[in-house]
């Protein structure tokens, strides 16, 4: 599969500069990162819906669309497939191949009291 993704990445890099009226890839790039990110999200949702409906073949088709749009997004951001494979290798060494990296806790910011403003539970002195 990594070979297929790398071939796709190379083909996308080549097609991105084509005429947008004749190339889906060039048209996608013409929409910029917001359009590309939206397409990734859209295809991910469609893949999930097909899976929930038990539609195996449709899930395969939507998965291919998702991979295409994800690789196009990588290309737009200067991300090589090897960058992603390296991250997967790093995670495998830390957590195992079938485990997702744990989310880091979101740091909370201490409440800062602004001078001259009252906050609940305090009084002006």
PDB file of N, CA and C in Angstrom:
ATOM      1  N   UNK A   1       0.811  -1.194   0.000  1.00  0.00           N
ATOM      2  CA  UNK A   1       0.000   0.000   0.000  1.00  0.00           C
ATOM      3  C   UNK A   1       0.857   1.261   0.000  1.00  0.00           C
ATOM      4  N   UNK A   2       1.964   1.237   0.714  1.00  0.00           N
ATOM      5  CA  UNK A   2       2.784   2.447   0.765  1.00  0.00           C
ATOM      6  C   UNK A   2       3.252   2.831  -0.627  1.00  0.00           C
ATOM      7  N   UNK A   3       3.507   1.826  -1.483  1.00  0.00           N
ATOM      8  CA  UNK A   3       3.869   2.105  -2.865  1.00  0.00           C
ATOM      9  C   UNK A   3       2.754   2.849  -3.592  1.00  0.00           C
ATOM     10  N   UNK A   4       1.527   2.385  -3.403  1.00  0.00           N
ATOM     11  CA  UNK A   4       0.377   3.027  -4.055  1.00  0.00           C
ATOM     12  C   UNK A   4       0.212   4.463  -3.578  1.00  0.00           C
ATOM     13  N   UNK A   5       0.361   4.696  -2.301  1.00  0.00           N
ATOM     14  CA  UNK A   5       0.215   6.047  -1.760  1.00  0.00           C
ATOM     15  C   UNK A   5       1.329   6.941  -2.283  1.00  0.00           C
ATOM     16  N   UNK A   6       2.529   6.406  -2.383  1.00  0.00           N
ATOM     17  CA  UNK A   6       3.630   7.217  -2.903  1.00  0.00           C
ATOM     18  C   UNK A   6       3.440   7.528  -4.381  1.00  0.00           C
ATOM     19  N   UNK A   7       2.928   6.578  -5.150  1.00  0.00           N
ATOM     20  CA  UNK A   7       2.617   6.851  -6.561  1.00  0.00           C
ATOM     21  C   UNK A   7       1.507   7.882  -6.671  1.00  0.00           C
ATOM     22  N   UNK A   8       0.494   7.777  -5.825  1.00  0.00           N
ATOM     23  CA  UNK A   8      -0.593   8.752  -5.808  1.00  0.00           C
ATOM     24  C   UNK A   8      -0.054  10.135  -5.462  1.00  0.00           C
ATOM     25  N   UNK A   9       0.790  10.209  -4.455  1.00  0.00           N
ATOM     26  CA  UNK A   9       1.377  11.486  -4.038  1.00  0.00           C
ATOM     27  C   UNK A   9       2.149  12.127  -5.198  1.00  0.00           C
ATOM     28  N   UNK A  10       2.936  11.337  -5.910  1.00  0.00           N
ATOM     29  CA  UNK A  10       3.706  11.851  -7.048  1.00  0.00           C
ATOM     30  C   UNK A  10       2.783  12.309  -8.172  1.00  0.00           C
ATOM     31  N   UNK A  11       1.735  11.545  -8.447  1.00  0.00           N
ATOM     32  CA  UNK A  11       0.796  11.912  -9.510  1.00  0.00           C
ATOM     33  C   UNK A  11       0.041  13.189  -9.154  1.00  0.00           C
ATOM     34  N   UNK A  12      -0.328  13.338  -7.895  1.00  0.00           N
ATOM     35  CA  UNK A  12      -1.020  14.543  -7.440  1.00  0.00           C
ATOM     36  C   UNK A  12      -0.100  15.753  -7.585  1.00  0.00           C
ATOM     37  N   UNK A  13       1.154  15.594  -7.194  1.00  0.00           N
ATOM     38  CA  UNK A  13       2.116  16.698  -7.310  1.00  0.00           C
ATOM     39  C   UNK A  13       2.255  17.142  -8.762  1.00  0.00           C
ATOM     40  N   UNK A  14       2.205  16.197  -9.665  1.00  0.00           N
ATOM     41  CA  UNK A  14       2.326  16.512 -11.085  1.00  0.00           C
ATOM     42  C   UNK A  14       1.046  17.148 -11.625  1.00  0.00           C
ATOM     43  N   UNK A  15      -0.113  16.678 -11.191  1.00  0.00           N
ATOM     44  CA  UNK A  15      -1.395  17.139 -11.733  1.00  0.00           C
ATOM     45  C   UNK A  15      -1.873  18.459 -11.141  1.00  0.00           C
ATOM     46  N   UNK A  16      -1.338  18.850 -10.014  1.00  0.00           N
ATOM     47  CA  UNK A  16      -1.851  20.041  -9.327  1.00  0.00           C
ATOM     48  C   UNK A  16      -1.733  21.309 -10.156  1.00  0.00           C
ATOM     49  N   UNK A  17      -0.794  21.361 -11.079  1.00  0.00           N
ATOM     50  CA  UNK A  17      -0.613  22.540 -11.911  1.00  0.00           C
ATOM     51  C   UNK A  17      -1.348  22.476 -13.239  1.00  0.00           C
ATOM     52  N   UNK A  18      -2.117  21.435 -13.465  1.00  0.00           N
ATOM     53  CA  UNK A  18      -2.855  21.288 -14.723  1.00  0.00           C
ATOM     54  C   UNK A  18      -4.017  22.274 -14.796  1.00  0.00           C
ATOM     55  N   UNK A  19      -4.682  22.271 -15.921  1.00  0.00           N
ATOM     56  CA  UNK A  19      -5.850  23.127 -16.154  1.00  0.00           C
ATOM     57  C   UNK A  19      -7.000  22.664 -15.251  1.00  0.00           C
ATOM     58  N   UNK A  20      -7.476  23.537 -14.362  1.00  0.00           N
ATOM     59  CA  UNK A  20      -8.554  23.142 -13.441  1.00  0.00           C
ATOM     60  C   UNK A  20      -9.855  22.731 -14.134  1.00  0.00           C
ATOM     61  N   UNK A  21     -10.067  23.186 -15.366  1.00  0.00           N
ATOM     62  CA  UNK A  21     -11.293  22.783 -16.070  1.00  0.00           C
ATOM     63  C   UNK A  21     -11.201  21.345 -16.582  1.00  0.00           C
ATOM     64  N   UNK A  22      -9.981  20.790 -16.575  1.00  0.00           N
ATOM     65  CA  UNK A  22      -9.797  19.433 -17.079  1.00  0.00           C
ATOM     66  C   UNK A  22      -9.237  18.476 -16.042  1.00  0.00           C
ATOM     67  N   UNK A  23      -8.884  19.003 -14.868  1.00  0.00           N
ATOM     68  CA  UNK A  23      -8.250  18.174 -13.847  1.00  0.00           C
ATOM     69  C   UNK A  23      -8.924  18.380 -12.499  1.00  0.00           C
ATOM     70  N   UNK A  24      -9.472  17.306 -11.962  1.00  0.00           N
ATOM     71  CA  UNK A  24     -10.090  17.365 -10.640  1.00  0.00           C
ATOM     72  C   UNK A  24      -9.069  17.766  -9.584  1.00  0.00           C
ATOM     73  N   UNK A  25      -7.857  17.260  -9.726  1.00  0.00           N
ATOM     74  CA  UNK A  25      -6.798  17.572  -8.774  1.00  0.00           C
ATOM     75  C   UNK A  25      -6.455  19.054  -8.812  1.00  0.00           C
ATOM     76  N   UNK A  26      -6.270  19.605 -10.013  1.00  0.00           N
ATOM     77  CA  UNK A  26      -5.950  21.034 -10.133  1.00  0.00           C
ATOM     78  C   UNK A  26      -7.085  21.890  -9.584  1.00  0.00           C
ATOM     79  N   UNK A  27      -8.319  21.473  -9.820  1.00  0.00           N
ATOM     80  CA  UNK A  27      -9.478  22.215  -9.293  1.00  0.00           C
ATOM     81  C   UNK A  27      -9.479  22.168  -7.766  1.00  0.00           C
ATOM     82  N   UNK A  28      -9.172  21.026  -7.199  1.00  0.00           N
ATOM     83  CA  UNK A  28      -9.106  20.885  -5.750  1.00  0.00           C
ATOM     84  C   UNK A  28      -8.046  21.822  -5.173  1.00  0.00           C
ATOM     85  N   UNK A  29      -6.879  21.855  -5.781  1.00  0.00           N
ATOM     86  CA  UNK A  29      -5.806  22.740  -5.319  1.00  0.00           C
ATOM     87  C   UNK A  29      -6.199  24.205  -5.478  1.00  0.00           C
ATOM     88  N   UNK A  30      -6.975  24.508  -6.496  1.00  0.00           N
ATOM     89  CA  UNK A  30      -7.431  25.881  -6.710  1.00  0.00           C
ATOM     90  C   UNK A  30      -8.292  26.396  -5.572  1.00  0.00           C
ATOM     91  N   UNK A  31      -8.945  25.491  -4.855  1.00  0.00           N
ATOM     92  CA  UNK A  31      -9.783  25.878  -3.723  1.00  0.00           C
ATOM     93  C   UNK A  31      -8.986  26.156  -2.463  1.00  0.00           C
ATOM     94  N   UNK A  32      -7.704  25.833  -2.477  1.00  0.00           N
ATOM     95  CA  UNK A  32      -6.855  26.088  -1.324  1.00  0.00           C
ATOM     96  C   UNK A  32      -7.076  25.096  -0.191  1.00  0.00           C
ATOM     97  N   UNK A  33      -6.335  25.300   0.891  1.00  0.00           N
ATOM     98  CA  UNK A  33      -6.397  24.393   2.045  1.00  0.00           C
ATOM     99  C   UNK A  33      -7.787  24.279   2.662  1.00  0.00           C
ATOM    100  N   UNK A  34      -8.555  25.374   2.776  1.00  0.00           N
ATOM    101  CA  UNK A  34      -9.887  25.206   3.363  1.00  0.00           C
ATOM    102  C   UNK A  34     -10.754  24.213   2.586  1.00  0.00           C
ATOM    103  N   UNK A  35     -10.739  24.304   1.271  1.00  0.00           N
ATOM    104  CA  UNK A  35     -11.529  23.386   0.441  1.00  0.00           C
ATOM    105  C   UNK A  35     -10.995  21.960   0.577  1.00  0.00           C
ATOM    106  N   UNK A  36      -9.683  21.837   0.613  1.00  0.00           N
ATOM    107  CA  UNK A  36      -9.090  20.512   0.704  1.00  0.00           C
ATOM    108  C   UNK A  36      -9.392  19.851   2.044  1.00  0.00           C
ATOM    109  N   UNK A  37      -9.292  20.616   3.116  1.00  0.00           N
ATOM    110  CA  UNK A  37      -9.602  20.074   4.443  1.00  0.00           C
ATOM    111  C   UNK A  37     -11.075  19.677   4.530  1.00  0.00           C
ATOM    112  N   UNK A  38     -11.933  20.483   3.928  1.00  0.00           N
ATOM    113  CA  UNK A  38     -13.369  20.171   3.918  1.00  0.00           C
ATOM    114  C   UNK A  38     -13.632  18.858   3.176  1.00  0.00           C
ATOM    115  N   UNK A  39     -12.933  18.643   2.078  1.00  0.00           N
ATOM    116  CA  UNK A  39     -13.115  17.403   1.322  1.00  0.00           C
ATOM    117  C   UNK A  39     -12.656  16.187   2.128  1.00  0.00           C
ATOM    118  N   UNK A  40     -11.568  16.320   2.870  1.00  0.00           N
ATOM    119  CA  UNK A  40     -11.108  15.209   3.709  1.00  0.00           C
ATOM    120  C   UNK A  40     -12.186  14.874   4.739  1.00  0.00           C
ATOM    121  N   UNK A  41     -12.719  15.899   5.386  1.00  0.00           N
ATOM    122  CA  UNK A  41     -13.759  15.685   6.393  1.00  0.00           C
ATOM    123  C   UNK A  41     -15.008  15.059   5.766  1.00  0.00           C
ATOM    124  N   UNK A  42     -15.394  15.565   4.628  1.00  0.00           N
ATOM    125  CA  UNK A  42     -16.581  15.067   3.928  1.00  0.00           C
ATOM    126  C   UNK A  42     -16.420  13.582   3.582  1.00  0.00           C
ATOM    127  N   UNK A  43     -15.272  13.224   3.029  1.00  0.00           N
ATOM    128  CA  UNK A  43     -15.048  11.829   2.648  1.00  0.00           C
ATOM    129  C   UNK A  43     -14.957  10.919   3.874  1.00  0.00           C
ATOM    130  N   UNK A  44     -14.407  11.424   4.970  1.00  0.00           N
ATOM    131  CA  UNK A  44     -14.343  10.628   6.202  1.00  0.00           C
ATOM    132  C   UNK A  44     -15.748  10.329   6.715  1.00  0.00           C
ATOM    133  N   UNK A  45     -16.613  11.332   6.680  1.00  0.00           N
ATOM    134  CA  UNK A  45     -18.000  11.137   7.120  1.00  0.00           C
ATOM    135  C   UNK A  45     -18.706  10.142   6.203  1.00  0.00           C
ATOM    136  N   UNK A  46     -18.525  10.296   4.898  1.00  0.00           N
ATOM    137  CA  UNK A  46     -19.166   9.372   3.953  1.00  0.00           C
ATOM    138  C   UNK A  46     -18.671   7.943   4.138  1.00  0.00           C
ATOM    139  N   UNK A  47     -17.398   7.782   4.452  1.00  0.00           N
ATOM    140  CA  UNK A  47     -16.849   6.450   4.721  1.00  0.00           C
ATOM    141  C   UNK A  47     -17.501   5.860   5.967  1.00  0.00           C
ATOM    142  N   UNK A  48     -17.599   6.671   7.008  1.00  0.00           N
ATOM    143  CA  UNK A  48     -18.228   6.205   8.248  1.00  0.00           C
ATOM    144  C   UNK A  48     -19.686   5.831   8.068  1.00  0.00           C
ATOM    145  N   UNK A  49     -20.405   6.634   7.330  1.00  0.00           N
ATOM    146  CA  UNK A  49     -21.830   6.354   7.092  1.00  0.00           C
ATOM    147  C   UNK A  49     -21.991   5.045   6.315  1.00  0.00           C
ATOM    148  N   UNK A  50     -21.190   4.862   5.281  1.00  0.00           N
ATOM    149  CA  UNK A  50     -21.270   3.625   4.500  1.00  0.00           C
ATOM    150  C   UNK A  50     -20.973   2.413   5.388  1.00  0.00           C
ATOM    151  N   UNK A  51     -19.998   2.547   6.263  1.00  0.00           N
ATOM    152  CA  UNK A  51     -19.654   1.445   7.165  1.00  0.00           C
ATOM    153  C   UNK A  51     -20.799   1.155   8.129  1.00  0.00           C
ATOM    154  N   UNK A  52     -21.381   2.210   8.691  1.00  0.00           N
ATOM    155  CA  UNK A  52     -22.501   2.018   9.619  1.00  0.00           C
ATOM    156  C   UNK A  52     -23.698   1.356   8.954  1.00  0.00           C
ATOM    157  N   UNK A  53     -23.847   1.584   7.671  1.00  0.00           N
ATOM    158  CA  UNK A  53     -24.952   0.982   6.926  1.00  0.00           C
ATOM    159  C   UNK A  53     -24.615  -0.412   6.413  1.00  0.00           C
ATOM    160  N   UNK A  54     -23.409  -0.878   6.754  1.00  0.00           N
ATOM    161  CA  UNK A  54     -22.998  -2.218   6.348  1.00  0.00           C
ATOM    162  C   UNK A  54     -22.717  -2.347   4.862  1.00  0.00           C
ATOM    163  N   UNK A  55     -22.449  -1.236   4.199  1.00  0.00           N
ATOM    164  CA  UNK A  55     -22.217  -1.238   2.753  1.00  0.00           C
ATOM    165  C   UNK A  55     -20.723  -1.415   2.478  1.00  0.00           C
ATOM    166  N   UNK A  56     -20.304  -2.649   2.377  1.00  0.00           N
ATOM    167  CA  UNK A  56     -18.882  -2.962   2.227  1.00  0.00           C
ATOM    168  C   UNK A  56     -18.279  -2.312   0.990  1.00  0.00           C
ATOM    169  N   UNK A  57     -18.901  -2.519  -0.178  1.00  0.00           N
ATOM    170  CA  UNK A  57     -18.344  -1.977  -1.415  1.00  0.00           C
ATOM    171  C   UNK A  57     -18.309  -0.448  -1.386  1.00  0.00           C
ATOM    172  N   UNK A  58     -19.372   0.168  -0.896  1.00  0.00           N
ATOM    173  CA  UNK A  58     -19.413   1.633  -0.798  1.00  0.00           C
ATOM    174  C   UNK A  58     -18.339   2.142   0.166  1.00  0.00           C
ATOM    175  N   UNK A  59     -18.091   1.392   1.234  1.00  0.00           N
ATOM    176  CA  UNK A  59     -17.031   1.773   2.181  1.00  0.00           C
ATOM    177  C   UNK A  59     -15.669   1.734   1.503  1.00  0.00           C
ATOM    178  N   UNK A  60     -15.449   0.751   0.656  1.00  0.00           N
ATOM    179  CA  UNK A  60     -14.192   0.680  -0.098  1.00  0.00           C
ATOM    180  C   UNK A  60     -14.057   1.888  -1.017  1.00  0.00           C
ATOM    181  N   UNK A  61     -15.122   2.212  -1.747  1.00  0.00           N
ATOM    182  CA  UNK A  61     -15.073   3.355  -2.664  1.00  0.00           C
ATOM    183  C   UNK A  61     -14.830   4.667  -1.916  1.00  0.00           C
ATOM    184  N   UNK A  62     -15.543   4.866  -0.825  1.00  0.00           N
ATOM    185  CA  UNK A  62     -15.383   6.097  -0.044  1.00  0.00           C
ATOM    186  C   UNK A  62     -14.007   6.155   0.614  1.00  0.00           C
ATOM    187  N   UNK A  63     -13.477   5.006   1.015  1.00  0.00           N
ATOM    188  CA  UNK A  63     -12.131   4.967   1.596  1.00  0.00           C
ATOM    189  C   UNK A  63     -11.091   5.402   0.567  1.00  0.00           C
ATOM    190  N   UNK A  64     -11.248   4.958  -0.662  1.00  0.00           N
ATOM    191  CA  UNK A  64     -10.319   5.377  -1.721  1.00  0.00           C
ATOM    192  C   UNK A  64     -10.415   6.885  -1.947  1.00  0.00           C
ATOM    193  N   UNK A  65     -11.636   7.430  -1.929  1.00  0.00           N
ATOM    194  CA  UNK A  65     -11.810   8.882  -2.062  1.00  0.00           C
ATOM    195  C   UNK A  65     -11.146   9.615  -0.893  1.00  0.00           C
ATOM    196  N   UNK A  66     -11.316   9.070   0.301  1.00  0.00           N
ATOM    197  CA  UNK A  66     -10.713   9.671   1.487  1.00  0.00           C
ATOM    198  C   UNK A  66      -9.188   9.687   1.373  1.00  0.00           C
ATOM    199  N   UNK A  67      -8.612   8.580   0.956  1.00  0.00           N
ATOM    200  CA  UNK A  67      -7.158   8.512   0.819  1.00  0.00           C
ATOM    201  C   UNK A  67      -6.674   9.497  -0.238  1.00  0.00           C
ATOM    202  N   UNK A  68      -7.368   9.571  -1.373  1.00  0.00           N
ATOM    203  CA  UNK A  68      -6.992  10.536  -2.418  1.00  0.00           C
ATOM    204  C   UNK A  68      -6.975  11.960  -1.856  1.00  0.00           C
ATOM    205  N   UNK A  69      -8.059  12.345  -1.193  1.00  0.00           N
ATOM    206  CA  UNK A  69      -8.152  13.716  -0.673  1.00  0.00           C
ATOM    207  C   UNK A  69      -7.148  13.970   0.449  1.00  0.00           C
ATOM    208  N   UNK A  70      -6.877  12.982   1.262  1.00  0.00           N
ATOM    209  CA  UNK A  70      -5.885  13.126   2.326  1.00  0.00           C
ATOM    210  C   UNK A  70      -4.488  13.310   1.733  1.00  0.00           C
ATOM    211  N   UNK A  71      -4.157  12.523   0.734  1.00  0.00           N
ATOM    212  CA  UNK A  71      -2.838  12.630   0.104  1.00  0.00           C
ATOM    213  C   UNK A  71      -2.708  13.974  -0.627  1.00  0.00           C
ATOM    214  N   UNK A  72      -3.794  14.458  -1.234  1.00  0.00           N
ATOM    215  CA  UNK A  72      -3.764  15.780  -1.861  1.00  0.00           C
ATOM    216  C   UNK A  72      -3.499  16.859  -0.813  1.00  0.00           C
ATOM    217  N   UNK A  73      -4.144  16.736   0.339  1.00  0.00           N
ATOM    218  CA  UNK A  73      -3.919  17.688   1.432  1.00  0.00           C
ATOM    219  C   UNK A  73      -2.462  17.640   1.897  1.00  0.00           C
ATOM    220  N   UNK A  74      -1.927  16.431   2.043  1.00  0.00           N
ATOM    221  CA  UNK A  74      -0.508  16.297   2.406  1.00  0.00           C
ATOM    222  C   UNK A  74       0.354  17.045   1.409  1.00  0.00           C
ATOM    223  N   UNK A  75       0.086  16.827   0.135  1.00  0.00           N
ATOM    224  CA  UNK A  75       0.883  17.455  -0.917  1.00  0.00           C
ATOM    225  C   UNK A  75       0.833  18.973  -0.813  1.00  0.00           C
ATOM    226  N   UNK A  76      -0.351  19.504  -0.575  1.00  0.00           N
ATOM    227  CA  UNK A  76      -0.516  20.958  -0.457  1.00  0.00           C
ATOM    228  C   UNK A  76       0.264  21.508   0.732  1.00  0.00           C
ATOM    229  N   UNK A  77       0.434  20.694   1.756  1.00  0.00           N
ATOM    230  CA  UNK A  77       1.105  21.136   2.972  1.00  0.00           C
ATOM    231  C   UNK A  77       2.588  20.761   3.007  1.00  0.00           C
ATOM    232  N   UNK A  78       3.083  20.165   1.917  1.00  0.00           N
ATOM    233  CA  UNK A  78       4.482  19.770   1.877  1.00  0.00           C
ATOM    234  C   UNK A  78       4.796  18.550   2.726  1.00  0.00           C
ATOM    235  N   UNK A  79       3.788  17.735   2.977  1.00  0.00           N
ATOM    236  CA  UNK A  79       3.963  16.506   3.757  1.00  0.00           C
ATOM    237  C   UNK A  79       4.183  15.352   2.790  1.00  0.00           C
ATOM    238  N   UNK A  80       5.270  14.635   2.990  1.00  0.00           N
ATOM    239  CA  UNK A  80       5.566  13.449   2.183  1.00  0.00           C
ATOM    240  C   UNK A  80       4.959  12.228   2.872  1.00  0.00           C
ATOM    241  N   UNK A  81       4.548  11.219   2.104  1.00  0.00           N
ATOM    242  CA  UNK A  81       4.050   9.992   2.745  1.00  0.00           C
ATOM    243  C   UNK A  81       5.044   9.432   3.757  1.00  0.00           C
ATOM    244  N   UNK A  82       6.325   9.544   3.457  1.00  0.00           N
ATOM    245  CA  UNK A  82       7.364   9.048   4.366  1.00  0.00           C
ATOM    246  C   UNK A  82       7.279   9.727   5.740  1.00  0.00           C
ATOM    247  N   UNK A  83       6.859  11.001   5.769  1.00  0.00           N
ATOM    248  CA  UNK A  83       6.700  11.695   7.051  1.00  0.00           C
ATOM    249  C   UNK A  83       5.660  10.989   7.916  1.00  0.00           C
ATOM    250  N   UNK A  84       4.577  10.563   7.282  1.00  0.00           N
ATOM    251  CA  UNK A  84       3.500   9.879   8.007  1.00  0.00           C
ATOM    252  C   UNK A  84       3.959   8.481   8.413  1.00  0.00           C
ATOM    253  N   UNK A  85       4.652   7.778   7.503  1.00  0.00           N
ATOM    254  CA  UNK A  85       5.132   6.427   7.836  1.00  0.00           C
ATOM    255  C   UNK A  85       6.105   6.487   9.013  1.00  0.00           C
ATOM    256  N   UNK A  86       6.957   7.511   9.028  1.00  0.00           N
ATOM    257  CA  UNK A  86       7.894   7.653  10.148  1.00  0.00           C
ATOM    258  C   UNK A  86       7.168   7.862  11.470  1.00  0.00           C
ATOM    259  N   UNK A  87       6.089   8.645  11.427  1.00  0.00           N
ATOM    260  CA  UNK A  87       5.301   8.856  12.652  1.00  0.00           C
ATOM    261  C   UNK A  87       4.635   7.556  13.086  1.00  0.00           C
ATOM    262  N   UNK A  88       4.126   6.790  12.140  1.00  0.00           N
ATOM    263  CA  UNK A  88       3.521   5.496  12.483  1.00  0.00           C
ATOM    264  C   UNK A  88       4.569   4.562  13.098  1.00  0.00           C
ATOM    265  N   UNK A  89       5.778   4.551  12.527  1.00  0.00           N
ATOM    266  CA  UNK A  89       6.858   3.726  13.081  1.00  0.00           C
ATOM    267  C   UNK A  89       7.196   4.168  14.504  1.00  0.00           C
ATOM    268  N   UNK A  90       7.259   5.474  14.732  1.00  0.00           N
ATOM    269  CA  UNK A  90       7.562   6.001  16.061  1.00  0.00           C
ATOM    270  C   UNK A  90       6.503   5.554  17.062  1.00  0.00           C
ATOM    271  N   UNK A  91       5.246   5.664  16.662  1.00  0.00           N
ATOM    272  CA  UNK A  91       4.157   5.253  17.556  1.00  0.00           C
ATOM    273  C   UNK A  91       4.186   3.759  17.827  1.00  0.00           C
ATOM    274  N   UNK A  92       4.511   2.975  16.816  1.00  0.00           N
ATOM    275  CA  UNK A  92       4.591   1.530  17.009  1.00  0.00           C
ATOM    276  C   UNK A  92       5.635   1.184  18.069  1.00  0.00           C
ATOM    277  N   UNK A  93       6.762   1.862  18.028  1.00  0.00           N
ATOM    278  CA  UNK A  93       7.809   1.605  19.010  1.00  0.00           C
ATOM    279  C   UNK A  93       7.357   1.981  20.421  1.00  0.00           C
ATOM    280  N   UNK A  94       6.531   3.015  20.544  1.00  0.00           N
ATOM    281  CA  UNK A  94       6.087   3.463  21.861  1.00  0.00           C
ATOM    282  C   UNK A  94       4.879   2.697  22.391  1.00  0.00           C
ATOM    283  N   UNK A  95       3.914   2.411  21.520  1.00  0.00           N
ATOM    284  CA  UNK A  95       2.621   1.905  21.980  1.00  0.00           C
ATOM    285  C   UNK A  95       2.189   0.584  21.346  1.00  0.00           C
ATOM    286  N   UNK A  96       2.876   0.145  20.307  1.00  0.00           N
ATOM    287  CA  UNK A  96       2.452  -1.045  19.589  1.00  0.00           C
ATOM    288  C   UNK A  96       1.726  -0.642  18.320  1.00  0.00           C
ATOM    289  N   UNK A  97       1.731  -1.502  17.340  1.00  0.00           N
ATOM    290  CA  UNK A  97       1.196  -1.176  16.022  1.00  0.00           C
ATOM    291  C   UNK A  97      -0.317  -0.952  16.040  1.00  0.00           C
ATOM    292  N   UNK A  98      -1.019  -1.619  16.928  1.00  0.00           N
ATOM    293  CA  UNK A  98      -2.479  -1.532  16.910  1.00  0.00           C
ATOM    294  C   UNK A  98      -3.034  -0.575  17.951  1.00  0.00           C
ATOM    295  N   UNK A  99      -2.203   0.295  18.474  1.00  0.00           N
ATOM    296  CA  UNK A  99      -2.663   1.249  19.473  1.00  0.00           C
ATOM    297  C   UNK A  99      -2.537   2.663  18.939  1.00  0.00           C
ATOM    298  N   UNK A 100      -3.511   3.482  19.263  1.00  0.00           N
ATOM    299  CA  UNK A 100      -3.477   4.889  18.895  1.00  0.00           C
ATOM    300  C   UNK A 100      -2.767   5.653  20.002  1.00  0.00           C
ATOM    301  N   UNK A 101      -2.010   6.638  19.617  1.00  0.00           N
ATOM    302  CA  UNK A 101      -1.279   7.433  20.596  1.00  0.00           C
ATOM    303  C   UNK A 101      -2.271   8.120  21.538  1.00  0.00           C
ATOM    304  N   UNK A 102      -2.015   8.073  22.843  1.00  0.00           N
ATOM    305  CA  UNK A 102      -2.946   8.725  23.770  1.00  0.00           C
ATOM    306  C   UNK A 102      -2.926  10.244  23.587  1.00  0.00           C
ATOM    307  N   UNK A 103      -4.071  10.830  23.789  1.00  0.00           N
ATOM    308  CA  UNK A 103      -4.185  12.289  23.713  1.00  0.00           C
ATOM    309  C   UNK A 103      -3.536  12.901  24.941  1.00  0.00           C
ATOM    310  N   UNK A 104      -2.765  13.937  24.712  1.00  0.00           N
ATOM    311  CA  UNK A 104      -2.166  14.661  25.835  1.00  0.00           C
ATOM    312  C   UNK A 104      -3.264  15.492  26.485  1.00  0.00           C
ATOM    313  N   UNK A 105      -3.260  15.587  27.805  1.00  0.00           N
ATOM    314  CA  UNK A 105      -4.276  16.411  28.454  1.00  0.00           C
ATOM    315  C   UNK A 105      -4.113  17.867  28.027  1.00  0.00           C
ATOM    316  N   UNK A 106      -5.233  18.526  27.859  1.00  0.00           N
ATOM    317  CA  UNK A 106      -5.212  19.941  27.492  1.00  0.00           C
ATOM    318  C   UNK A 106      -4.862  20.743  28.734  1.00  0.00           C
ATOM    319  N   UNK A 107      -3.790  21.517  28.661  1.00  0.00           N
ATOM    320  CA  UNK A 107      -3.420  22.297  29.855  1.00  0.00           C
ATOM    321  C   UNK A 107      -4.483  23.357  30.141  1.00  0.00           C
ATOM    322  N   UNK A 108      -4.767  23.508  31.412  1.00  0.00           N
ATOM    323  CA  UNK A 108      -5.729  24.536  31.798  1.00  0.00           C
ATOM    324  C   UNK A 108      -4.967  25.795  32.154  1.00  0.00           C
ATOM    325  N   UNK A 109      -5.557  26.898  31.819  1.00  0.00           N
ATOM    326  CA  UNK A 109      -4.922  28.178  32.113  1.00  0.00           C
ATOM    327  C   UNK A 109      -5.448  28.689  33.436  1.00  0.00           C
ATOM    328  N   UNK A 110      -4.558  29.134  34.302  1.00  0.00           N
ATOM    329  CA  UNK A 110      -5.042  29.678  35.577  1.00  0.00           C
ATOM    330  C   UNK A 110      -5.829  30.959  35.320  1.00  0.00           C
ATOM    331  N   UNK A 111      -6.848  31.148  36.142  1.00  0.00           N
ATOM    332  CA  UNK A 111      -7.651  32.362  36.009  1.00  0.00           C
ATOM    333  C   UNK A 111      -6.839  33.541  36.518  1.00  0.00           C
ATOM    334  N   UNK A 112      -6.785  34.546  35.726  1.00  0.00           N
ATOM    335  CA  UNK A 112      -6.048  35.753  36.088  1.00  0.00           C
ATOM    336  C   UNK A 112      -7.059  36.823  36.455  1.00  0.00           C
ATOM    337  N   UNK A 113      -6.895  37.356  37.629  1.00  0.00           N
ATOM    338  CA  UNK A 113      -7.807  38.400  38.095  1.00  0.00           C
ATOM    339  C   UNK A 113      -7.302  39.734  37.585  1.00  0.00           C
ATOM    340  N   UNK A 114      -8.184  40.437  36.910  1.00  0.00           N
ATOM    341  CA  UNK A 114      -7.804  41.752  36.401  1.00  0.00           C
ATOM    342  C   UNK A 114      -8.052  42.789  37.485  1.00  0.00           C
ATOM    343  N   UNK A 115      -7.106  43.703  37.667  1.00  0.00           N
ATOM    344  CA  UNK A 115      -7.275  44.740  38.689  1.00  0.00           C
ATOM    345  C   UNK A 115      -8.550  45.537  38.447  1.00  0.00           C
ATOM    346  N   UNK A 116      -9.246  45.816  39.531  1.00  0.00           N
ATOM    347  CA  UNK A 116     -10.445  46.641  39.449  1.00  0.00           C
ATOM    348  C   UNK A 116     -11.704  45.880  39.076  1.00  0.00           C
ATOM    349  N   UNK A 117     -11.593  44.576  38.801  1.00  0.00           N
ATOM    350  CA  UNK A 117     -12.771  43.789  38.440  1.00  0.00           C
ATOM    351  C   UNK A 117     -13.053  42.789  39.554  1.00  0.00           C
ATOM    352  N   UNK A 118     -14.301  42.682  39.894  1.00  0.00           N
ATOM    353  CA  UNK A 118     -14.717  41.722  40.917  1.00  0.00           C
ATOM    354  C   UNK A 118     -14.993  40.388  40.241  1.00  0.00           C
ATOM    355  N   UNK A 119     -14.620  39.332  40.925  1.00  0.00           N
ATOM    356  CA  UNK A 119     -14.982  38.015  40.439  1.00  0.00           C
ATOM    357  C   UNK A 119     -15.827  37.345  41.499  1.00  0.00           C
ATOM    358  N   UNK A 120     -16.569  36.345  41.114  1.00  0.00           N
ATOM    359  CA  UNK A 120     -17.455  35.661  42.055  1.00  0.00           C
ATOM    360  C   UNK A 120     -16.629  35.113  43.207  1.00  0.00           C
ATOM    361  N   UNK A 121     -17.096  35.352  44.407  1.00  0.00           N
ATOM    362  CA  UNK A 121     -16.424  34.829  45.589  1.00  0.00           C
ATOM    363  C   UNK A 121     -15.318  35.751  46.137  1.00  0.00           C
ATOM    364  N   UNK A 122     -15.152  36.902  45.559  1.00  0.00           N
ATOM    365  CA  UNK A 122     -14.137  37.832  46.062  1.00  0.00           C
ATOM    366  C   UNK A 122     -14.820  39.144  46.386  1.00  0.00           C
ATOM    367  N   UNK A 123     -14.163  39.907  47.152  1.00  0.00           N
ATOM    368  CA  UNK A 123     -14.701  41.238  47.450  1.00  0.00           C
ATOM    369  C   UNK A 123     -13.623  42.281  47.223  1.00  0.00           C
ATOM    370  N   UNK A 124     -14.050  43.474  46.945  1.00  0.00           N
ATOM    371  CA  UNK A 124     -13.105  44.566  46.744  1.00  0.00           C
ATOM    372  C   UNK A 124     -12.600  45.022  48.113  1.00  0.00           C
ATOM    373  N   UNK A 125     -11.345  45.280  48.223  1.00  0.00           N
ATOM    374  CA  UNK A 125     -10.774  45.738  49.495  1.00  0.00           C
ATOM    375  C   UNK A 125     -10.109  47.037  49.333  1.00  0.00           C
TER     376      UNK A 125
END
